[in-house]
Structures are given as C-alpha cells and as structure tokens.
C-alpha cells in the first residue's frame, strides 16, 4: 500500500483529499503546515506528497525546497496545489501542479501516475 502525505492548512480541503485517497486504497498521513509535513516525512516512509503552497508556519514552497535539498528525497514525487496564477505555477518545475479548485478525477489521475500504480477499490 502506497503512503501519501497531504499537507494542507485548510481543514476541509485536507479532510476531503484524505477521504478521497483513502477510498482509493491509499494510506494517508496528514499535516496542517510545512513544519508538520517535514516532521512527517522524517518519521514515515512516504511515496508521494500532496501539498498546498500557501500555508502558515512554513509554506509549501519552502517545505518542498527543504525536502528536495535532501538527497534521500530529491526524487520524491510532489503534487503542489494552489489557486495561484500561471506565473507562479511555472516556478515549480520540480513538481506536478494542480490548480484549485480541482476535479477529484484530476487529483487521482496525477496520484496514480506519480506512484506508478493502478489502485483497485472494493
């Protein structure tokens, strides 16, 4: 079973993404900000990170730069989520970008592609 870390400060979005991913058969670990996200990566083997960009304490951009600076995680697949404009999106070449609001199907297609598996529910 693949483990996905969801880092999102908006509790309703975090819980929705968690629920959708768990319904698809993934193990989900959640964090409310970048500092919690970094702690989770250090404690749990994570196969993919789904992360909001704009968050308090430590934003998604800084969290992902810290993760990418560690050779152990430099190839970690990351999906960044934001309502940011196209100019900001281009800054994140190291990650898949998912604009908010997003379609659940788009989230799941990206997750499946990045973790390299087809998830069977039931």
Protein backbone atom coordinates (compact mmCIF):
# COMPACT_ATOMS: atom_id res chain seq x y z
CA UNK A 1 0.00 0.00 0.00
CA UNK A 2 1.37 3.40 -1.00
CA UNK A 3 1.54 6.17 1.58
CA UNK A 4 0.64 9.74 0.66
CA UNK A 5 1.36 12.78 2.79
CA UNK A 6 -1.28 15.51 2.46
CA UNK A 7 -0.08 18.92 3.70
CA UNK A 8 -2.90 21.47 3.72
CA UNK A 9 -3.82 24.19 6.21
CA UNK A 10 -7.50 24.31 5.20
CA UNK A 11 -9.00 21.51 7.27
CA UNK A 12 -11.97 20.95 4.95
CA UNK A 13 -9.69 20.52 1.92
CA UNK A 14 -7.27 18.33 3.91
CA UNK A 15 -10.08 16.04 5.10
CA UNK A 16 -11.65 15.85 1.63
CA UNK A 17 -8.34 14.89 -0.03
CA UNK A 18 -7.63 12.39 2.74
CA UNK A 19 -11.06 10.79 2.36
CA UNK A 20 -10.81 10.55 -1.44
CA UNK A 21 -7.35 8.98 -1.29
CA UNK A 22 -8.28 6.52 1.47
CA UNK A 23 -11.37 5.49 -0.52
CA UNK A 24 -8.97 4.66 -3.37
CA UNK A 25 -6.91 2.38 -1.12
CA UNK A 26 -4.02 4.64 -0.15
CA UNK A 27 -2.63 5.11 3.35
CA UNK A 28 -2.80 8.84 4.11
CA UNK A 29 -0.81 10.87 6.62
CA UNK A 30 -1.85 14.50 7.08
CA UNK A 31 -0.20 17.71 8.24
CA UNK A 32 -1.63 21.21 8.69
CA UNK A 33 1.53 23.12 7.70
CA UNK A 34 5.01 22.70 6.27
CA UNK A 35 6.73 22.13 9.61
CA UNK A 36 4.38 19.27 10.40
CA UNK A 37 4.90 17.99 6.86
CA UNK A 38 8.69 17.91 7.30
CA UNK A 39 8.27 16.06 10.59
CA UNK A 40 6.01 13.50 8.90
CA UNK A 41 8.50 12.90 6.07
CA UNK A 42 11.20 12.24 8.68
CA UNK A 43 9.04 9.76 10.60
CA UNK A 44 7.04 7.91 7.93
CA UNK A 45 8.03 6.38 4.60
CA UNK A 46 6.09 8.50 2.13
CA UNK A 47 5.61 7.61 -1.55
CA UNK A 48 4.07 10.94 -2.61
CA UNK A 49 3.42 14.40 -1.16
CA UNK A 50 0.28 16.40 -1.97
CA UNK A 51 0.91 19.90 -0.66
CA UNK A 52 -0.74 23.31 -0.65
CA UNK A 53 1.58 26.19 -1.48
CA UNK A 54 0.25 28.99 0.71
CA UNK A 55 0.21 27.93 4.37
CA UNK A 56 1.19 29.48 7.71
CA UNK A 57 4.26 28.46 9.73
CA UNK A 58 6.17 27.06 6.74
CA UNK A 59 4.66 27.34 3.27
CA UNK A 60 4.61 24.53 0.73
CA UNK A 61 7.26 26.14 -1.46
CA UNK A 62 9.82 26.27 1.37
CA UNK A 63 8.88 22.82 2.64
CA UNK A 64 9.42 21.31 -0.81
CA UNK A 65 12.76 23.10 -1.27
CA UNK A 66 13.94 21.67 2.06
CA UNK A 67 12.80 18.19 1.04
CA UNK A 68 14.44 18.44 -2.38
CA UNK A 69 17.74 19.58 -0.80
CA UNK A 70 18.00 16.24 0.99
CA UNK A 71 19.50 13.61 -1.37
CA UNK A 72 17.29 10.98 0.24
CA UNK A 73 14.16 12.77 -1.02
CA UNK A 74 15.36 14.54 -4.17
CA UNK A 75 13.20 12.35 -6.41
CA UNK A 76 10.14 12.33 -4.13
CA UNK A 77 7.05 12.91 -6.28
CA UNK A 78 5.19 16.06 -5.25
CA UNK A 79 1.83 17.49 -6.25
CA UNK A 80 1.55 21.18 -5.36
CA UNK A 81 -1.93 22.67 -5.07
CA UNK A 82 -2.81 26.34 -5.28
CA UNK A 83 -5.20 28.84 -6.73
CA UNK A 84 -2.08 30.73 -7.86
CA UNK A 85 -1.79 32.17 -11.34
CA UNK A 86 0.20 30.71 -14.24
CA UNK A 87 3.30 32.81 -13.48
CA UNK A 88 3.60 31.24 -10.04
CA UNK A 89 2.92 27.76 -11.41
CA UNK A 90 5.99 27.96 -13.65
CA UNK A 91 8.23 28.29 -10.60
CA UNK A 92 7.54 24.70 -9.62
CA UNK A 93 9.17 22.66 -12.38
CA UNK A 94 10.14 20.01 -9.81
CA UNK A 95 6.51 19.21 -9.00
CA UNK A 96 3.19 18.46 -10.62
CA UNK A 97 0.90 21.44 -10.24
CA UNK A 98 -2.82 21.12 -9.50
CA UNK A 99 -4.80 24.36 -9.58
CA UNK A 100 -7.55 24.97 -7.05
CA UNK A 101 -10.36 24.32 -7.32
CA UNK A 102 -9.55 20.96 -8.88
CA UNK A 103 -11.54 18.00 -10.11
CA UNK A 104 -11.21 14.86 -7.98
CA UNK A 105 -10.51 12.85 -11.12
CA UNK A 106 -7.53 15.10 -11.93
CA UNK A 107 -6.13 14.59 -8.45
CA UNK A 108 -6.50 10.81 -8.67
CA UNK A 109 -5.03 10.64 -12.20
CA UNK A 110 -1.95 12.52 -11.03
CA UNK A 111 -1.60 10.44 -7.87
CA UNK A 112 -1.82 7.17 -9.81
CA UNK A 113 0.67 8.36 -12.41
CA UNK A 114 3.19 9.55 -9.82
CA UNK A 115 3.07 6.49 -7.57
CA UNK A 116 3.10 4.20 -10.58
CA UNK A 117 0.17 2.01 -9.74
CA UNK A 118 -3.42 1.34 -10.56
CA UNK A 119 -5.49 1.19 -7.40
CA UNK A 120 -8.35 -1.27 -7.26
CA UNK A 121 -11.11 -0.44 -4.82
CA UNK A 122 -13.71 -2.69 -3.39
